[in-house]
Amino acid sequence: MIRDKKNKKKEKSIRTKLITMVLLPIVVLSVMIISIGMILLYHFYTQSIRNELTAATNIVLDCLNLTVRGDYAYESGMLMKGDLNITDSTMLYRVKEKSQIDITIFWQDTRILSTVSNQYGVSAVGTKASNDVVEAVLEKGECYYSTSLDVNGVPYIGYYMPVENSDHTIVGMIFAGKQKDVVYRGIRTVLLWFLVLSGAAGVVAVIISSVYSNRMVSDINIINRFLKTISEGDLTVNLDKKISDRNDELGRIGEYASRMRTDLKKLIERDPLTSLYNRRSCNNKLKVLESGKSEFTIIMCDIDWFKKINDTYGHDAGDYVLVTLSGLIRENVKDCGFASRWGGEEFLLVYQLKHDAAIQKVQQIQQRIRDYDFTYEDKTIKVTMTFGAETGDSSSTYEKRILTADGNLYVGKNNGRDQIVDGR
């Protein structure tokens, strides 16, 4: 019980470690990808906002320069270009309607046309640009971009461009900007979708990896139970086919485990020389037949004058006779029973047949052995066997039936050999 608890603890530990090994890199990588992706996406989005605002100021300035000829002037509250009064905010409001971009036209540092208004609806017309903007645009003639502007009390992201007359005198500015909350609302939406989709992809990857890991752990446990069963002495168990079907390391481990079971079973159940069942496994099989009330007949047999064969032709020749004869016996019993090397040159045959049918099979193998030429190193060895059959009393235990067959065998040995003693 204590050992089982320790084994379960180890299994849990292996499962946890394996799943951790699989999932941890995925989680870490997912977090890194999401974090880096969100940073890159944020910079991409903010850069796209800057490009959008830059394009808006260029469009407005090009519209003014290309449609109306002449220099800019501001007289009596009117913005003039050449002889034409262009003090009209219609175009600016259309731009805002289509793009949510506020446009402002400055004369020097003062807003004279603007779509910007504060939270109370008060227009920004008449208000001044900040000192930083004035210095950069009006004094240095540079464009100015900022993500932290205060325009009429409202936070903005904006872009300023200088307005020049034909003599390159800077007379004003054009501003294009978006309210920060509008911009960040868009950024939040994009980032949220990215986060959701990336998170969903990460969850799917985790689920797939977990399923795969659990299947792998499950297959490892199948192999573990298979080996545990073998270690407990049960060699009848077969490895689950799903393991042998795997085309990977676990499949190969399963294949090696199955080979080991087969070799162990052969080593434990079979006689190493003849590959027939050994005495121990024969007794086990007879117990099963007896407990199942199966009908069977026991035959004890022995090679005649085997010592003479060893003395005349050598022990290697004797082994050759044992192996070859065992093959003939195996062929005789394969469809109706089994055979065992009982000891030395003695064999026990079990036919799952009625007594008379079993005797017919014994007569066949007796004649087959008589007729067979056992050829070893160009020398032909003739072999015969003596057989003792039990009486077919199924009410007796198999041990008593073996003793009966053994007694009949010795009767045959003493009465000239190469015969079948039925005992009836």
Protein backbone atom coordinates (compact mmCIF):
# COMPACT_ATOMS: atom_id res chain seq x y z
CA MET A 1 0.00 0.00 0.00
CA ILE A 2 2.81 2.40 0.92
CA ARG A 3 4.64 1.54 -2.30
CA ASP A 4 1.46 2.18 -4.35
CA LYS A 5 1.09 5.59 -2.72
CA LYS A 6 4.71 6.39 -3.56
CA ASN A 7 4.17 5.25 -7.14
CA LYS A 8 1.07 7.45 -7.47
CA LYS A 9 3.03 10.35 -6.06
CA LYS A 10 5.76 9.77 -8.63
CA GLU A 11 3.18 9.52 -11.43
CA LYS A 12 1.65 12.83 -10.41
CA SER A 13 5.10 14.34 -10.28
CA ILE A 14 5.91 13.11 -13.79
CA ARG A 15 2.57 14.35 -15.11
CA THR A 16 3.08 17.75 -13.47
CA LYS A 17 6.64 18.06 -14.72
CA LEU A 18 5.76 17.02 -18.25
CA ILE A 19 2.79 19.36 -18.50
CA THR A 20 4.86 22.16 -16.95
CA MET A 21 7.67 21.54 -19.43
CA VAL A 22 5.19 21.76 -22.31
CA LEU A 23 3.00 24.60 -21.08
CA LEU A 24 5.52 26.92 -19.41
CA PRO A 25 7.37 27.82 -22.65
CA ILE A 26 4.01 28.35 -24.40
CA VAL A 27 2.74 30.64 -21.64
CA VAL A 28 6.03 32.57 -21.44
CA LEU A 29 6.24 32.87 -25.22
CA SER A 30 2.59 33.93 -25.44
CA VAL A 31 3.11 36.64 -22.83
CA MET A 32 6.23 37.87 -24.65
CA ILE A 33 4.48 37.87 -28.03
CA ILE A 34 1.43 39.65 -26.64
CA SER A 35 3.56 42.23 -24.79
CA ILE A 36 5.87 42.92 -27.73
CA GLY A 37 2.94 42.84 -30.13
CA MET A 38 1.00 45.38 -28.09
CA ILE A 39 4.03 47.69 -27.90
CA LEU A 40 4.65 47.44 -31.65
CA LEU A 41 0.96 47.83 -32.37
CA TYR A 42 0.81 50.92 -30.15
CA HIS A 43 3.79 52.51 -31.92
CA PHE A 44 2.36 51.57 -35.31
CA TYR A 45 -1.00 53.08 -34.43
CA THR A 46 0.49 56.29 -33.04
CA GLN A 47 2.71 56.59 -36.11
CA SER A 48 -0.33 56.13 -38.32
CA ILE A 49 -2.05 58.94 -36.38
CA ARG A 50 0.95 61.21 -37.00
CA ASN A 51 0.91 60.34 -40.70
CA GLU A 52 -2.83 61.01 -40.80
CA LEU A 53 -2.45 64.44 -39.16
CA THR A 54 0.50 65.32 -41.40
CA ALA A 55 -1.53 64.40 -44.46
CA ALA A 56 -4.48 66.49 -43.23
CA THR A 57 -2.37 69.65 -42.78
CA ASN A 58 -0.77 69.17 -46.21
CA ILE A 59 -4.16 68.72 -47.85
CA VAL A 60 -5.59 71.85 -46.25
CA LEU A 61 -2.52 73.90 -47.15
CA ASP A 62 -2.48 72.57 -50.73
CA CYS A 63 -6.15 73.37 -51.13
CA LEU A 64 -5.52 76.96 -50.07
CA ASN A 65 -2.40 77.38 -52.21
CA LEU A 66 -3.68 75.73 -55.36
CA THR A 67 -7.21 77.14 -55.51
CA VAL A 68 -6.40 80.76 -54.65
CA ARG A 69 -3.45 82.82 -55.90
CA GLY A 70 -1.65 85.46 -53.90
CA ASP A 71 -0.15 86.02 -50.48
CA TYR A 72 -1.86 85.68 -47.14
CA ALA A 73 -2.98 88.72 -45.17
CA TYR A 74 -5.15 89.33 -42.13
CA GLU A 75 -7.17 92.54 -42.30
CA SER A 76 -10.13 93.69 -40.21
CA GLY A 77 -10.73 90.20 -38.83
CA MET A 78 -10.66 88.64 -42.29
CA LEU A 79 -8.11 86.17 -43.65
CA MET A 80 -7.24 87.22 -47.18
CA LYS A 81 -5.37 85.36 -49.89
CA GLY A 82 -4.61 87.72 -52.64
CA ASP A 83 -7.84 89.68 -53.19
CA LEU A 84 -10.07 86.85 -51.93
CA ASN A 85 -11.56 86.52 -48.45
CA ILE A 86 -11.04 82.92 -47.32
CA THR A 87 -12.44 83.39 -43.83
CA ASP A 88 -14.69 80.32 -44.11
CA SER A 89 -14.60 77.27 -41.86
CA THR A 90 -16.81 75.06 -44.07
CA MET A 91 -13.94 73.03 -45.47
CA LEU A 92 -12.46 72.60 -42.00
CA TYR A 93 -15.71 71.20 -40.60
CA ARG A 94 -16.05 68.81 -43.53
CA VAL A 95 -12.62 67.45 -42.77
CA LYS A 96 -13.60 66.99 -39.13
CA GLU A 97 -16.88 65.33 -40.09
CA LYS A 98 -15.13 62.78 -42.27
CA SER A 99 -12.07 62.05 -40.14
CA GLN A 100 -12.65 63.36 -36.58
CA ILE A 101 -9.61 65.57 -37.18
CA ASP A 102 -9.84 69.15 -35.89
CA ILE A 103 -8.30 71.81 -38.15
CA THR A 104 -7.11 75.24 -37.04
CA ILE A 105 -5.66 78.09 -39.10
CA PHE A 106 -3.42 80.53 -37.21
CA TRP A 107 -2.47 84.06 -38.06
CA GLN A 108 0.86 84.29 -36.34
CA ASP A 109 0.23 82.66 -32.95
CA THR A 110 -3.55 83.31 -32.83
CA ARG A 111 -6.29 80.95 -33.91
CA ILE A 112 -8.53 82.71 -36.43
CA LEU A 113 -10.36 79.69 -37.92
CA SER A 114 -10.85 76.52 -35.88
CA THR A 115 -13.13 73.53 -35.39
CA VAL A 116 -11.81 73.11 -31.83
CA SER A 117 -14.14 73.82 -28.93
CA ASN A 118 -13.97 72.93 -25.28
CA GLN A 119 -16.37 70.76 -23.28
CA TYR A 120 -18.78 73.68 -22.95
CA GLY A 121 -18.88 74.33 -26.70
CA VAL A 122 -16.71 77.46 -26.50
CA SER A 123 -14.68 77.88 -29.72
CA ALA A 124 -10.91 78.10 -29.55
CA VAL A 125 -10.87 81.04 -32.05
CA GLY A 126 -8.85 83.91 -30.58
CA THR A 127 -6.73 81.73 -28.31
CA LYS A 128 -2.97 81.57 -28.57
CA ALA A 129 -0.57 78.74 -29.38
CA SER A 130 1.86 77.61 -26.72
CA ASN A 131 5.38 79.00 -26.52
CA ASP A 132 6.90 75.69 -27.64
CA VAL A 133 4.79 75.72 -30.79
CA VAL A 134 5.56 79.38 -31.52
CA GLU A 135 9.29 78.81 -31.10
CA ALA A 136 9.41 75.73 -33.31
CA VAL A 137 7.01 76.76 -36.08
CA LEU A 138 6.95 80.54 -36.29
CA GLU A 139 10.50 81.28 -35.26
CA LYS A 140 12.36 78.25 -36.65
CA GLY A 141 10.03 77.39 -39.52
CA GLU A 142 9.81 73.74 -38.47
CA CYS A 143 6.85 71.40 -38.28
CA TYR A 144 5.83 70.46 -34.77
CA TYR A 145 4.23 67.22 -33.51
CA SER A 146 3.18 66.46 -29.96
CA THR A 147 1.13 63.82 -28.17
CA SER A 148 0.58 66.12 -25.16
CA LEU A 149 -1.13 69.29 -26.31
CA ASP A 150 -3.63 71.42 -24.42
CA VAL A 151 -5.92 73.11 -26.91
CA ASN A 152 -8.61 75.24 -25.36
CA GLY A 153 -8.52 73.08 -22.22
CA VAL A 154 -8.86 69.79 -24.16
CA PRO A 155 -5.99 67.21 -24.41
CA TYR A 156 -4.93 66.73 -28.04
CA ILE A 157 -2.45 64.92 -30.22
CA GLY A 158 -1.57 67.41 -32.95
CA TYR A 159 0.62 68.47 -35.82
CA TYR A 160 1.56 72.09 -36.76
CA MET A 161 2.86 73.25 -40.14
CA PRO A 162 4.09 76.79 -40.97
CA VAL A 163 2.24 78.93 -43.57
CA GLU A 164 4.49 81.06 -45.80
CA ASN A 165 3.97 83.83 -48.27
CA SER A 166 5.78 84.02 -51.58
CA ASP A 167 8.75 85.78 -49.96
CA HIS A 168 9.08 82.86 -47.50
CA THR A 169 7.86 84.96 -44.63
CA ILE A 170 6.09 82.79 -42.05
CA VAL A 171 2.75 84.41 -41.38
CA GLY A 172 0.87 81.65 -39.58
CA MET A 173 0.32 77.96 -39.02
CA ILE A 174 -2.07 75.15 -39.83
CA PHE A 175 -2.92 72.69 -37.10
CA ALA A 176 -4.46 69.24 -37.43
CA GLY A 177 -5.22 67.28 -34.31
CA LYS A 178 -7.30 64.59 -32.67
CA GLN A 179 -8.59 64.59 -29.16
CA LYS A 180 -6.59 62.22 -26.99
CA ASP A 181 -9.59 60.32 -25.70
CA VAL A 182 -10.71 59.63 -29.30
CA VAL A 183 -7.23 58.43 -30.26
CA TYR A 184 -6.74 56.29 -27.18
CA ARG A 185 -10.23 54.88 -27.49
CA GLY A 186 -9.23 53.62 -30.93
CA ILE A 187 -5.89 52.34 -29.63
CA ARG A 188 -7.63 50.57 -26.75
CA THR A 189 -10.08 48.94 -29.14
CA VAL A 190 -7.31 47.70 -31.43
CA LEU A 191 -5.17 46.52 -28.51
CA LEU A 192 -8.16 44.85 -26.88
CA TRP A 193 -8.93 42.90 -30.05
CA PHE A 194 -5.27 41.98 -30.38
CA LEU A 195 -5.20 40.89 -26.74
CA VAL A 196 -8.38 38.86 -27.09
CA LEU A 197 -7.26 37.13 -30.29
CA SER A 198 -3.74 36.52 -28.97
CA GLY A 199 -5.13 35.25 -25.68
CA ALA A 200 -7.56 32.98 -27.51
CA ALA A 201 -4.71 31.63 -29.65
CA GLY A 202 -2.65 31.09 -26.49
CA VAL A 203 -5.55 29.29 -24.77
CA VAL A 204 -6.04 27.07 -27.83
CA ALA A 205 -2.30 26.29 -27.85
CA VAL A 206 -2.42 25.49 -24.12
CA ILE A 207 -5.47 23.25 -24.57
CA ILE A 208 -3.92 21.40 -27.52
CA SER A 209 -0.63 21.01 -25.64
CA SER A 210 -2.47 19.84 -22.51
CA VAL A 211 -4.45 17.27 -24.48
CA TYR A 212 -1.28 16.04 -26.19
CA SER A 213 0.61 15.95 -22.88
CA ASN A 214 -2.21 14.09 -21.15
CA ARG A 215 -2.32 11.55 -23.98
CA MET A 216 1.43 11.09 -23.72
CA VAL A 217 1.24 10.69 -19.93
CA SER A 218 -1.68 8.28 -20.39
CA ASP A 219 0.40 6.18 -22.81
CA ILE A 220 3.38 6.29 -20.43
CA ASN A 221 1.08 5.02 -17.67
CA ILE A 222 -0.14 2.20 -19.95
CA ILE A 223 3.48 1.10 -20.46
CA ASN A 224 4.10 1.51 -16.72
CA ARG A 225 1.12 -0.71 -15.82
CA PHE A 226 2.20 -3.25 -18.44
CA LEU A 227 5.71 -3.47 -16.95
CA LYS A 228 4.29 -3.56 -13.40
CA THR A 229 2.05 -6.50 -14.33
CA ILE A 230 5.04 -8.32 -15.83
CA SER A 231 7.13 -7.61 -12.73
CA GLU A 232 4.38 -9.22 -10.64
CA GLY A 233 4.72 -12.42 -12.66
CA ASP A 234 1.71 -12.16 -15.01
CA LEU A 235 3.10 -12.79 -18.49
CA THR A 236 -0.29 -13.30 -20.14
CA VAL A 237 -0.95 -9.57 -20.43
CA ASN A 238 -0.58 -7.90 -23.82
CA LEU A 239 0.43 -4.29 -24.41
CA ASP A 240 -2.35 -2.00 -25.62
CA LYS A 241 -2.33 -1.78 -29.42
CA LYS A 242 -2.41 2.04 -29.30
CA ILE A 243 1.16 1.94 -27.94
CA SER A 244 2.48 -0.40 -30.63
CA ASP A 245 0.80 1.81 -33.26
CA ARG A 246 2.76 4.87 -32.12
CA ASN A 247 5.57 5.77 -34.50
CA ASP A 248 7.83 7.44 -31.96
CA GLU A 249 10.05 6.75 -28.95
CA LEU A 250 7.12 5.60 -26.79
CA GLY A 251 6.12 3.16 -29.51
CA ARG A 252 9.64 1.76 -29.55
CA ILE A 253 9.71 1.52 -25.75
CA GLY A 254 6.42 -0.39 -25.95
CA GLU A 255 7.89 -2.67 -28.62
CA TYR A 256 10.94 -3.41 -26.45
CA ALA A 257 8.66 -4.06 -23.44
CA SER A 258 6.57 -6.52 -25.49
CA ARG A 259 9.72 -8.29 -26.68
CA MET A 260 10.92 -8.51 -23.10
CA ARG A 261 7.58 -10.04 -22.04
CA THR A 262 7.79 -12.57 -24.88
CA ASP A 263 11.37 -13.48 -24.03
CA LEU A 264 10.58 -13.73 -20.32
CA LYS A 265 7.55 -15.86 -21.05
CA LYS A 266 9.63 -18.10 -23.26
CA LEU A 267 12.37 -18.27 -20.65
CA ILE A 268 9.95 -19.08 -17.84
CA GLU A 269 7.49 -21.33 -19.68
CA ARG A 270 9.63 -23.06 -22.28
CA ASP A 271 12.43 -25.57 -22.18
CA PRO A 272 15.49 -23.71 -23.51
CA LEU A 273 16.67 -26.59 -25.73
CA THR A 274 13.45 -27.92 -27.27
CA SER A 275 11.18 -24.83 -26.90
CA LEU A 276 8.44 -27.12 -25.60
CA TYR A 277 6.68 -26.20 -22.36
CA ASN A 278 8.75 -26.95 -19.29
CA ARG A 279 7.44 -29.04 -16.42
CA ARG A 280 6.30 -26.08 -14.34
CA SER A 281 4.27 -24.40 -17.09
CA CYS A 282 2.81 -27.76 -18.12
CA ASN A 283 1.49 -28.26 -14.58
CA ASN A 284 -0.04 -24.77 -14.68
CA LYS A 285 -1.78 -25.48 -17.98
CA LEU A 286 -3.10 -28.81 -16.65
CA LYS A 287 -4.51 -27.00 -13.59
CA VAL A 288 -6.39 -24.64 -15.90
CA LEU A 289 -7.76 -27.54 -17.96
CA GLU A 290 -8.82 -29.41 -14.83
CA SER A 291 -10.50 -26.37 -13.24
CA GLY A 292 -12.38 -25.69 -16.46
CA LYS A 293 -13.68 -29.26 -16.58
CA SER A 294 -12.11 -29.63 -20.03
CA GLU A 295 -11.70 -33.08 -21.52
CA PHE A 296 -8.08 -34.16 -22.02
CA THR A 297 -5.83 -37.21 -22.19
CA ILE A 298 -2.29 -37.46 -20.78
CA ILE A 299 0.48 -39.41 -22.52
CA MET A 300 3.93 -39.92 -21.01
CA CYS A 301 6.67 -40.92 -23.46
CA ASP A 302 10.40 -41.55 -23.49
CA ILE A 303 13.09 -41.92 -26.17
CA ASP A 304 14.28 -45.51 -26.36
CA TRP A 305 17.98 -46.13 -25.71
CA PHE A 306 18.77 -42.44 -25.56
CA LYS A 307 21.92 -43.00 -23.49
CA LYS A 308 23.21 -45.23 -26.27
CA ILE A 309 22.63 -42.44 -28.80
CA ASN A 310 24.69 -40.04 -26.65
CA ASP A 311 27.44 -42.60 -26.12
CA THR A 312 27.60 -43.57 -29.80
CA TYR A 313 27.18 -40.25 -31.57
CA GLY A 314 27.98 -37.71 -28.84
CA HIS A 315 25.91 -35.35 -26.75
CA ASP A 316 25.58 -32.83 -29.59
CA ALA A 317 23.93 -35.52 -31.65
CA GLY A 318 21.70 -36.31 -28.66
CA ASP A 319 20.67 -32.63 -28.46
CA TYR A 320 19.97 -32.68 -32.19
CA VAL A 321 17.67 -35.69 -31.73
CA LEU A 322 15.86 -33.98 -28.82
CA VAL A 323 15.31 -30.77 -30.81
CA THR A 324 14.23 -32.52 -34.01
CA LEU A 325 11.93 -34.95 -32.22
CA SER A 326 10.38 -32.07 -30.27
CA GLY A 327 9.52 -30.44 -33.58
CA LEU A 328 7.73 -33.61 -34.71
CA ILE A 329 5.82 -33.77 -31.42
CA ARG A 330 4.87 -30.10 -31.62
CA GLU A 331 3.48 -30.60 -35.11
CA ASN A 332 1.46 -33.61 -33.90
CA VAL A 333 -0.21 -31.81 -30.96
CA LYS A 334 -0.51 -28.27 -32.35
CA ASP A 335 -4.22 -28.49 -33.27
CA CYS A 336 -5.41 -30.49 -30.31
CA GLY A 337 -3.19 -29.94 -27.29
CA PHE A 338 0.34 -29.23 -26.12
CA ALA A 339 3.57 -30.97 -25.18
CA SER A 340 6.16 -30.62 -22.46
CA ARG A 341 9.70 -31.77 -21.91
CA TRP A 342 9.18 -33.52 -18.61
CA GLY A 343 12.86 -34.18 -17.96
CA GLY A 344 15.88 -35.50 -19.87
CA GLU A 345 14.56 -37.55 -22.78
CA GLU A 346 11.08 -37.86 -21.25
CA PHE A 347 8.06 -35.94 -22.64
CA LEU A 348 4.48 -35.42 -21.55
CA LEU A 349 1.81 -34.98 -24.22
CA VAL A 350 -1.62 -33.54 -23.45
CA TYR A 351 -4.37 -34.04 -26.00
CA GLN A 352 -7.62 -32.15 -25.53
CA LEU A 353 -9.35 -35.16 -27.00
CA LYS A 354 -11.20 -38.21 -25.78
CA HIS A 355 -9.03 -41.17 -24.91
CA ASP A 356 -9.48 -43.15 -28.14
CA ALA A 357 -8.88 -40.11 -30.39
CA ALA A 358 -5.74 -39.29 -28.39
CA ILE A 359 -4.41 -42.83 -28.84
CA GLN A 360 -4.85 -42.44 -32.62
CA LYS A 361 -2.72 -39.26 -32.51
CA VAL A 362 -0.08 -41.14 -30.48
CA GLN A 363 -0.01 -43.92 -33.07
CA GLN A 364 0.58 -41.30 -35.77
CA ILE A 365 3.53 -39.72 -33.96
CA GLN A 366 4.97 -43.12 -33.09
CA GLN A 367 5.01 -44.10 -36.75
CA ARG A 368 6.29 -40.67 -37.82
CA ILE A 369 9.29 -41.06 -35.48
CA ARG A 370 9.99 -44.61 -36.66
CA ASP A 371 10.06 -43.48 -40.29
CA TYR A 372 12.06 -40.33 -39.74
CA ASP A 373 15.77 -40.26 -40.57
CA PHE A 374 17.58 -38.25 -37.91
CA THR A 375 20.68 -37.26 -39.91
CA TYR A 376 23.55 -35.71 -37.95
CA GLU A 377 26.94 -35.09 -39.59
CA ASP A 378 26.16 -37.51 -42.44
CA LYS A 379 25.12 -40.19 -39.97
CA THR A 380 21.56 -41.46 -39.86
CA ILE A 381 20.20 -42.17 -36.40
CA LYS A 382 17.05 -44.27 -36.04
CA VAL A 383 14.91 -43.36 -33.07
CA THR A 384 11.88 -44.98 -31.43
CA MET A 385 9.76 -43.98 -28.46
CA THR A 386 7.72 -45.75 -25.85
CA PHE A 387 4.38 -44.26 -24.80
CA GLY A 388 2.31 -44.70 -21.66
CA ALA A 389 -1.28 -43.48 -21.65
CA GLU A 390 -3.46 -42.80 -18.66
CA THR A 391 -6.75 -44.65 -18.52
CA GLY A 392 -8.92 -41.64 -19.28
CA ASP A 393 -10.50 -41.45 -15.83
CA SER A 394 -11.51 -37.79 -15.77
CA SER A 395 -12.67 -38.06 -12.16
CA SER A 396 -9.04 -38.35 -10.98
CA THR A 397 -6.75 -35.37 -10.48
CA TYR A 398 -4.26 -34.64 -13.21
CA GLU A 399 -1.41 -35.59 -10.83
CA LYS A 400 -2.84 -39.10 -10.43
CA ARG A 401 -3.42 -39.36 -14.15
CA ILE A 402 0.24 -38.44 -14.76
CA LEU A 403 1.32 -41.15 -12.33
CA THR A 404 -0.89 -43.63 -14.18
CA ALA A 405 0.60 -42.66 -17.56
CA ASP A 406 4.11 -42.82 -16.09
CA GLY A 407 3.44 -46.31 -14.72
CA ASN A 408 2.22 -47.49 -18.13
CA LEU A 409 5.34 -45.98 -19.73
CA TYR A 410 7.58 -48.08 -17.51
CA VAL A 411 5.52 -51.14 -18.33
CA GLY A 412 6.29 -50.48 -22.00
CA LYS A 413 9.96 -49.90 -21.24
CA ASN A 414 10.19 -53.19 -19.43
CA ASN A 415 8.29 -55.07 -22.15
CA GLY A 416 10.56 -54.25 -25.06
CA ARG A 417 10.07 -50.50 -25.79
CA ASP A 418 8.77 -48.90 -29.03
CA GLN A 419 5.16 -49.45 -28.04
CA ILE A 420 2.06 -47.76 -26.68
CA VAL A 421 0.78 -48.99 -23.34
CA ASP A 422 -2.85 -47.96 -22.97
CA GLY A 423 -3.53 -49.42 -19.56
CA ARG A 424 -7.07 -50.36 -20.41
